[in-house]
């Protein structure tokens, strides 16, 4: 089992920044691919960014490229999402998720993940 707890959400004005954290406990954090997803009311849960177990490979959705940065610190069992130039369309609940690094599942699909945090609300005002 892996337990995930997100933090760092809040209210920010358009153009501002927020930094999210996801603290993991339980089974070996470094054995897992970590990703961030987000879900706005009435919409699907969408992939935002993912990072491989070593931190050496990252991937971003089109909406995140150039604005968001995913990182991880395996010594602290924590994943981060730095979000810059936020816009009202970025308003959503943000979730971190974990899946075994050796999994062959499509990491961009929320259905591929075994472990989820409770989510943290990000609200961007115009």
Protein backbone atom coordinates (compact mmCIF):
# COMPACT_ATOMS: atom_id res chain seq x y z
CA UNK A 1 0.00 0.00 0.00
CA UNK A 2 1.03 3.56 -0.67
CA UNK A 3 -0.64 6.46 1.09
CA UNK A 4 -0.56 9.83 -0.64
CA UNK A 5 -1.35 13.23 0.87
CA UNK A 6 -1.47 16.36 -1.25
CA UNK A 7 -1.00 19.88 0.01
CA UNK A 8 -0.42 23.37 -1.32
CA UNK A 9 -3.68 24.14 -3.07
CA UNK A 10 -5.52 27.39 -2.60
CA UNK A 11 -6.86 30.52 -4.21
CA UNK A 12 -4.65 32.53 -6.55
CA UNK A 13 -5.21 35.29 -9.07
CA UNK A 14 -4.74 34.72 -12.77
CA UNK A 15 -1.08 34.88 -13.67
CA UNK A 16 0.00 33.69 -10.25
CA UNK A 17 1.79 30.56 -9.09
CA UNK A 18 1.20 27.68 -6.72
CA UNK A 19 3.35 24.78 -5.64
CA UNK A 20 1.70 21.47 -4.80
CA UNK A 21 3.28 18.68 -2.79
CA UNK A 22 2.40 15.03 -2.50
CA UNK A 23 3.86 13.18 0.46
CA UNK A 24 3.97 9.39 0.23
CA UNK A 25 4.21 6.75 2.90
CA UNK A 26 4.06 2.98 2.90
CA UNK A 27 5.71 0.88 0.19
CA UNK A 28 8.87 2.07 -1.54
CA UNK A 29 8.23 5.44 -3.08
CA UNK A 30 11.12 5.15 -5.50
CA UNK A 31 9.56 2.05 -7.09
CA UNK A 32 6.63 4.08 -8.37
CA UNK A 33 5.89 6.34 -11.29
CA UNK A 34 4.19 9.43 -9.94
CA UNK A 35 1.73 11.67 -11.74
CA UNK A 36 -0.57 14.60 -11.19
CA UNK A 37 -4.12 14.66 -12.51
CA UNK A 38 -6.83 17.24 -12.20
CA UNK A 39 -10.59 17.20 -12.32
CA UNK A 40 -12.91 20.15 -12.76
CA UNK A 41 -16.61 19.87 -11.86
CA UNK A 42 -18.50 17.84 -14.43
CA UNK A 43 -15.36 16.90 -16.33
CA UNK A 44 -13.10 13.90 -16.70
CA UNK A 45 -10.01 13.41 -14.59
CA UNK A 46 -7.19 14.57 -16.85
CA UNK A 47 -3.48 13.84 -16.88
CA UNK A 48 -1.33 16.86 -16.06
CA UNK A 49 2.24 15.60 -15.61
CA UNK A 50 4.15 12.44 -14.78
CA UNK A 51 7.62 11.57 -13.59
CA UNK A 52 9.52 8.30 -13.71
CA UNK A 53 10.82 6.56 -10.59
CA UNK A 54 14.30 8.05 -10.97
CA UNK A 55 13.08 11.53 -11.81
CA UNK A 56 15.03 11.42 -15.06
CA UNK A 57 12.00 11.27 -17.34
CA UNK A 58 9.05 13.61 -17.21
CA UNK A 59 6.01 14.11 -19.38
CA UNK A 60 3.43 16.85 -19.58
CA UNK A 61 0.04 17.35 -21.09
CA UNK A 62 -0.28 20.14 -23.62
CA UNK A 63 -1.92 22.40 -21.07
CA UNK A 64 0.95 21.96 -18.66
CA UNK A 65 3.93 22.26 -21.01
CA UNK A 66 5.90 25.40 -20.43
CA UNK A 67 3.92 26.39 -17.33
CA UNK A 68 4.09 23.46 -14.90
CA UNK A 69 7.08 21.52 -13.62
CA UNK A 70 6.90 18.11 -11.96
CA UNK A 71 9.72 16.90 -9.73
CA UNK A 72 10.34 14.38 -6.99
CA UNK A 73 12.62 13.87 -4.05
CA UNK A 74 12.92 10.15 -3.35
CA UNK A 75 14.78 10.78 -0.10
CA UNK A 76 11.72 12.69 1.15
CA UNK A 77 9.16 10.46 -0.59
CA UNK A 78 7.58 13.57 -2.05
CA UNK A 79 6.43 14.66 -5.48
CA UNK A 80 5.97 18.29 -6.41
CA UNK A 81 4.09 20.25 -9.02
CA UNK A 82 5.15 23.84 -9.58
CA UNK A 83 2.43 25.72 -11.45
CA UNK A 84 3.11 29.10 -13.02
CA UNK A 85 1.05 31.54 -15.06
CA UNK A 86 -2.15 30.02 -13.74
CA UNK A 87 -5.40 30.76 -15.52
CA UNK A 88 -9.05 30.37 -14.48
CA UNK A 89 -9.26 27.23 -16.65
CA UNK A 90 -6.72 25.63 -14.32
CA UNK A 91 -9.30 25.63 -11.53
CA UNK A 92 -9.80 22.02 -10.45
CA UNK A 93 -9.08 19.48 -7.77
CA UNK A 94 -5.53 18.26 -8.25
CA UNK A 95 -4.66 14.67 -7.39
CA UNK A 96 -1.39 12.85 -7.19
CA UNK A 97 -1.28 9.19 -8.12
CA UNK A 98 1.19 6.33 -8.02
CA UNK A 99 1.71 3.16 -10.03
CA UNK A 100 4.48 0.58 -10.00
CA UNK A 101 7.34 1.77 -12.20
CA UNK A 102 7.45 -1.57 -14.03
CA UNK A 103 3.79 -1.39 -14.96
CA UNK A 104 3.10 -1.42 -18.68
CA UNK A 105 -0.09 0.55 -18.26
CA UNK A 106 -0.70 3.82 -20.04
CA UNK A 107 0.43 6.29 -17.39
CA UNK A 108 -1.59 9.10 -18.99
CA UNK A 109 -4.85 7.34 -18.11
CA UNK A 110 -6.21 7.72 -14.58
CA UNK A 111 -7.47 4.12 -14.69
CA UNK A 112 -3.85 2.90 -14.71
CA UNK A 113 -3.07 4.08 -11.19
CA UNK A 114 -3.30 2.04 -8.02
CA UNK A 115 -2.96 4.74 -5.40
CA UNK A 116 -4.48 8.20 -5.08
CA UNK A 117 -4.38 11.11 -2.73
CA UNK A 118 -7.48 12.86 -1.49
CA UNK A 119 -6.94 15.84 -3.77
CA UNK A 120 -6.26 19.51 -3.20
CA UNK A 121 -8.40 22.32 -4.55
CA UNK A 122 -6.81 24.92 -6.81
CA UNK A 123 -8.92 27.95 -7.63
CA UNK A 124 -7.73 30.65 -10.01
CA UNK A 125 -9.68 33.88 -10.05
CA UNK A 126 -9.82 36.18 -13.05
